[in-house]
Amino acid sequence: MKIKPLGDNIVVKMLKKEETTASGIFLPETMDEKKKAEGEVVAVGLGKILKNGQRGQMEVMVGQKILFKKWGGDEVEVDGKEYKIINQEDVLAIIE
């Protein structure tokens, strides 16, 4: 099954968080609330319809890694894989 987001929605595959710090300290799963809101864009919508009837331009592309608001969006599972569908306004930055 393939996901095709509508409007200015973005489908993101969550990136695995580090389980140890740079200094070698193990982080247990109970630290999950501090997880990074980081993911890879797997699909983007065509853009939001603006008041003037034109379609807004999407600022992210498939394959880019992004940072986004960690409490935004909806988590979905498709074919056994977990994704998050977020709005473009929830994207904070593109990781280069």
N, C-alpha and C. Protein backbone atom coordinates (compact mmCIF):
# COMPACT_ATOMS: atom_id res chain seq x y z
N MET A 1 0.84 -1.17 0.00
CA MET A 1 0.00 0.00 0.00
C MET A 1 0.89 1.24 0.00
N LYS A 2 0.46 2.26 -0.69
CA LYS A 2 1.22 3.49 -0.78
C LYS A 2 0.39 4.62 -0.15
N ILE A 3 1.04 5.53 0.55
CA ILE A 3 0.35 6.66 1.17
C ILE A 3 0.56 7.89 0.31
N LYS A 4 -0.53 8.57 -0.04
CA LYS A 4 -0.45 9.82 -0.79
C LYS A 4 -1.12 10.91 0.04
N PRO A 5 -0.31 11.78 0.66
CA PRO A 5 -0.88 12.82 1.51
C PRO A 5 -1.59 13.89 0.69
N LEU A 6 -2.61 14.50 1.28
CA LEU A 6 -3.37 15.55 0.62
C LEU A 6 -2.94 16.92 1.15
N GLY A 7 -3.23 17.95 0.37
CA GLY A 7 -2.94 19.32 0.79
C GLY A 7 -1.49 19.52 1.14
N ASP A 8 -1.25 20.14 2.31
CA ASP A 8 0.13 20.40 2.73
C ASP A 8 0.59 19.42 3.80
N ASN A 9 0.08 18.19 3.72
CA ASN A 9 0.51 17.14 4.65
C ASN A 9 1.77 16.45 4.15
N ILE A 10 2.53 15.92 5.10
CA ILE A 10 3.81 15.26 4.81
C ILE A 10 3.84 13.93 5.57
N VAL A 11 4.23 12.86 4.88
CA VAL A 11 4.40 11.56 5.53
C VAL A 11 5.87 11.41 5.89
N VAL A 12 6.13 11.13 7.17
CA VAL A 12 7.49 11.07 7.69
C VAL A 12 7.75 9.70 8.31
N LYS A 13 8.91 9.12 7.97
CA LYS A 13 9.37 7.90 8.63
C LYS A 13 10.26 8.34 9.77
N MET A 14 9.89 7.96 10.99
CA MET A 14 10.65 8.37 12.16
C MET A 14 12.03 7.74 12.13
N LEU A 15 13.05 8.52 12.47
CA LEU A 15 14.41 8.00 12.55
C LEU A 15 14.65 7.44 13.94
N LYS A 16 15.40 6.34 13.99
CA LYS A 16 15.70 5.70 15.28
C LYS A 16 16.53 6.65 16.12
N LYS A 17 16.16 6.74 17.38
CA LYS A 17 16.93 7.60 18.28
C LYS A 17 18.15 6.85 18.79
N GLU A 18 19.14 7.59 19.19
CA GLU A 18 20.36 7.01 19.76
C GLU A 18 20.02 6.39 21.11
N GLU A 19 20.55 5.23 21.39
CA GLU A 19 20.30 4.59 22.68
C GLU A 19 21.39 4.88 23.69
N THR A 20 22.49 5.44 23.24
CA THR A 20 23.55 5.85 24.16
C THR A 20 23.98 7.27 23.80
N THR A 21 24.47 7.99 24.79
CA THR A 21 24.95 9.34 24.54
C THR A 21 26.36 9.27 23.94
N ALA A 22 26.88 10.40 23.52
CA ALA A 22 28.22 10.45 22.94
C ALA A 22 29.27 9.97 23.94
N SER A 23 29.00 10.16 25.24
CA SER A 23 29.97 9.73 26.26
C SER A 23 29.75 8.28 26.70
N GLY A 24 28.78 7.59 26.06
CA GLY A 24 28.58 6.17 26.33
C GLY A 24 27.53 5.84 27.38
N ILE A 25 26.76 6.84 27.82
CA ILE A 25 25.71 6.59 28.82
C ILE A 25 24.49 6.00 28.13
N PHE A 26 23.99 4.87 28.64
CA PHE A 26 22.82 4.20 28.08
C PHE A 26 21.56 4.96 28.48
N LEU A 27 20.68 5.19 27.50
CA LEU A 27 19.41 5.86 27.77
C LEU A 27 18.28 4.82 27.71
N PRO A 28 17.61 4.57 28.82
CA PRO A 28 16.53 3.58 28.83
C PRO A 28 15.31 4.09 28.08
N GLU A 29 14.38 3.16 27.75
CA GLU A 29 13.17 3.52 27.02
C GLU A 29 12.30 4.51 27.78
N THR A 30 12.45 4.61 29.08
CA THR A 30 11.65 5.55 29.86
C THR A 30 12.00 6.99 29.52
N MET A 31 13.09 7.19 28.82
CA MET A 31 13.48 8.53 28.39
C MET A 31 12.79 8.90 27.08
N ASP A 32 11.80 8.15 26.67
CA ASP A 32 11.13 8.33 25.39
C ASP A 32 10.55 9.72 25.20
N GLU A 33 10.17 10.41 26.28
CA GLU A 33 9.61 11.74 26.16
C GLU A 33 10.63 12.74 25.63
N LYS A 34 11.89 12.38 25.69
CA LYS A 34 12.94 13.26 25.18
C LYS A 34 13.37 12.88 23.78
N LYS A 35 12.60 12.01 23.14
CA LYS A 35 12.99 11.56 21.80
C LYS A 35 13.04 12.74 20.83
N LYS A 36 13.90 12.59 19.87
CA LYS A 36 14.04 13.62 18.85
C LYS A 36 12.85 13.55 17.91
N ALA A 37 12.37 14.68 17.52
CA ALA A 37 11.32 14.74 16.51
C ALA A 37 12.03 14.90 15.17
N GLU A 38 12.63 13.81 14.74
CA GLU A 38 13.45 13.80 13.54
C GLU A 38 12.98 12.67 12.64
N GLY A 39 12.89 12.94 11.35
CA GLY A 39 12.44 11.90 10.44
C GLY A 39 12.83 12.16 9.02
N GLU A 40 12.53 11.19 8.16
CA GLU A 40 12.81 11.29 6.74
C GLU A 40 11.49 11.40 5.98
N VAL A 41 11.41 12.36 5.09
CA VAL A 41 10.19 12.59 4.30
C VAL A 41 10.05 11.48 3.28
N VAL A 42 8.90 10.77 3.30
CA VAL A 42 8.66 9.70 2.34
C VAL A 42 7.60 10.08 1.31
N ALA A 43 6.77 11.09 1.60
CA ALA A 43 5.76 11.56 0.64
C ALA A 43 5.30 12.95 1.05
N VAL A 44 4.97 13.77 0.05
CA VAL A 44 4.45 15.12 0.32
C VAL A 44 3.20 15.35 -0.52
N GLY A 45 2.30 16.16 0.04
CA GLY A 45 1.10 16.54 -0.70
C GLY A 45 1.44 17.58 -1.76
N LEU A 46 0.43 18.00 -2.50
CA LEU A 46 0.64 18.98 -3.57
C LEU A 46 0.74 20.41 -3.05
N GLY A 47 0.32 20.66 -1.83
CA GLY A 47 0.35 22.00 -1.26
C GLY A 47 -1.05 22.46 -0.90
N LYS A 48 -1.12 23.38 0.02
CA LYS A 48 -2.38 23.91 0.52
C LYS A 48 -3.00 24.87 -0.51
N ILE A 49 -4.33 24.80 -0.65
CA ILE A 49 -5.04 25.75 -1.51
C ILE A 49 -5.15 27.06 -0.75
N LEU A 50 -4.63 28.13 -1.33
CA LEU A 50 -4.64 29.45 -0.70
C LEU A 50 -5.97 30.15 -0.96
N LYS A 51 -6.21 31.25 -0.25
CA LYS A 51 -7.46 32.00 -0.40
C LYS A 51 -7.66 32.52 -1.81
N ASN A 52 -6.57 32.79 -2.53
CA ASN A 52 -6.69 33.30 -3.90
C ASN A 52 -6.92 32.18 -4.92
N GLY A 53 -7.04 30.94 -4.44
CA GLY A 53 -7.31 29.81 -5.31
C GLY A 53 -6.07 29.09 -5.84
N GLN A 54 -4.91 29.68 -5.64
CA GLN A 54 -3.68 29.05 -6.09
C GLN A 54 -3.20 28.07 -5.03
N ARG A 55 -2.31 27.18 -5.44
CA ARG A 55 -1.78 26.18 -4.53
C ARG A 55 -0.44 26.66 -3.98
N GLY A 56 -0.28 26.60 -2.66
CA GLY A 56 0.98 26.97 -2.01
C GLY A 56 2.06 25.96 -2.32
N GLN A 57 3.29 26.41 -2.32
CA GLN A 57 4.43 25.55 -2.65
C GLN A 57 4.90 24.80 -1.41
N MET A 58 5.23 23.51 -1.58
CA MET A 58 5.77 22.72 -0.49
C MET A 58 7.25 23.04 -0.34
N GLU A 59 7.72 23.14 0.91
CA GLU A 59 9.11 23.50 1.17
C GLU A 59 10.01 22.30 1.39
N VAL A 60 9.44 21.11 1.51
CA VAL A 60 10.24 19.90 1.71
C VAL A 60 10.04 18.95 0.54
N MET A 61 11.03 18.08 0.33
CA MET A 61 10.97 17.10 -0.75
C MET A 61 11.20 15.71 -0.18
N VAL A 62 10.75 14.72 -0.92
CA VAL A 62 10.96 13.32 -0.53
C VAL A 62 12.46 13.06 -0.40
N GLY A 63 12.83 12.37 0.68
CA GLY A 63 14.23 12.02 0.91
C GLY A 63 14.94 12.95 1.88
N GLN A 64 14.38 14.14 2.12
CA GLN A 64 15.03 15.07 3.04
C GLN A 64 14.80 14.62 4.49
N LYS A 65 15.77 14.93 5.34
CA LYS A 65 15.62 14.68 6.77
C LYS A 65 15.18 16.00 7.41
N ILE A 66 14.18 15.91 8.30
CA ILE A 66 13.62 17.12 8.89
C ILE A 66 13.50 17.01 10.40
N LEU A 67 13.43 18.15 11.05
CA LEU A 67 13.07 18.26 12.46
C LEU A 67 11.66 18.84 12.49
N PHE A 68 10.81 18.30 13.36
CA PHE A 68 9.44 18.80 13.44
C PHE A 68 8.96 18.79 14.87
N LYS A 69 7.84 19.46 15.11
CA LYS A 69 7.26 19.52 16.45
C LYS A 69 6.93 18.10 16.89
N LYS A 70 7.45 17.69 18.04
CA LYS A 70 7.30 16.29 18.43
C LYS A 70 5.89 15.92 18.81
N TRP A 71 5.05 16.84 19.19
CA TRP A 71 3.69 16.48 19.57
C TRP A 71 2.70 16.73 18.45
N GLY A 72 3.15 17.19 17.30
CA GLY A 72 2.25 17.44 16.18
C GLY A 72 2.01 16.19 15.36
N GLY A 73 1.00 16.23 14.52
CA GLY A 73 0.74 15.16 13.57
C GLY A 73 0.05 13.95 14.15
N ASP A 74 -0.14 12.95 13.29
CA ASP A 74 -0.81 11.71 13.66
C ASP A 74 0.07 10.53 13.29
N GLU A 75 0.15 9.56 14.19
CA GLU A 75 0.92 8.35 13.92
C GLU A 75 0.02 7.33 13.24
N VAL A 76 0.53 6.71 12.18
CA VAL A 76 -0.21 5.69 11.44
C VAL A 76 0.70 4.51 11.18
N GLU A 77 0.09 3.34 10.95
CA GLU A 77 0.85 2.15 10.61
C GLU A 77 0.34 1.63 9.27
N VAL A 78 1.25 1.45 8.32
CA VAL A 78 0.90 0.95 7.00
C VAL A 78 1.86 -0.17 6.65
N ASP A 79 1.31 -1.33 6.33
CA ASP A 79 2.11 -2.51 5.99
C ASP A 79 3.16 -2.82 7.06
N GLY A 80 2.79 -2.67 8.33
CA GLY A 80 3.69 -2.99 9.42
C GLY A 80 4.75 -1.95 9.71
N LYS A 81 4.74 -0.83 9.01
CA LYS A 81 5.72 0.23 9.23
C LYS A 81 5.02 1.44 9.84
N GLU A 82 5.69 2.10 10.77
CA GLU A 82 5.10 3.25 11.43
C GLU A 82 5.55 4.55 10.78
N TYR A 83 4.58 5.42 10.56
CA TYR A 83 4.83 6.72 9.97
C TYR A 83 4.11 7.78 10.80
N LYS A 84 4.49 9.01 10.55
CA LYS A 84 3.80 10.14 11.16
C LYS A 84 3.37 11.06 10.02
N ILE A 85 2.13 11.50 10.05
CA ILE A 85 1.64 12.45 9.05
C ILE A 85 1.54 13.80 9.74
N ILE A 86 2.31 14.75 9.23
CA ILE A 86 2.35 16.08 9.83
C ILE A 86 1.98 17.13 8.80
N ASN A 87 1.63 18.29 9.29
CA ASN A 87 1.33 19.44 8.45
C ASN A 87 2.64 20.17 8.16
N GLN A 88 2.73 20.82 7.02
CA GLN A 88 3.96 21.53 6.68
C GLN A 88 4.32 22.58 7.73
N GLU A 89 3.34 23.20 8.35
CA GLU A 89 3.64 24.22 9.35
C GLU A 89 4.25 23.65 10.63
N ASP A 90 4.20 22.30 10.79
CA ASP A 90 4.83 21.65 11.94
C ASP A 90 6.31 21.37 11.72
N VAL A 91 6.81 21.57 10.49
CA VAL A 91 8.22 21.35 10.18
C VAL A 91 9.02 22.55 10.70
N LEU A 92 10.05 22.24 11.49
CA LEU A 92 10.88 23.29 12.07
C LEU A 92 12.13 23.58 11.25
N ALA A 93 12.72 22.51 10.65
CA ALA A 93 13.97 22.70 9.93
C ALA A 93 14.25 21.50 9.03
N ILE A 94 15.06 21.74 8.02
CA ILE A 94 15.57 20.68 7.14
C ILE A 94 17.00 20.42 7.58
N ILE A 95 17.35 19.14 7.77
CA ILE A 95 18.72 18.78 8.19
C ILE A 95 19.56 18.56 6.93
N GLU A 96 20.65 19.28 6.83
CA GLU A 96 21.53 19.16 5.66
C GLU A 96 22.82 18.47 6.01
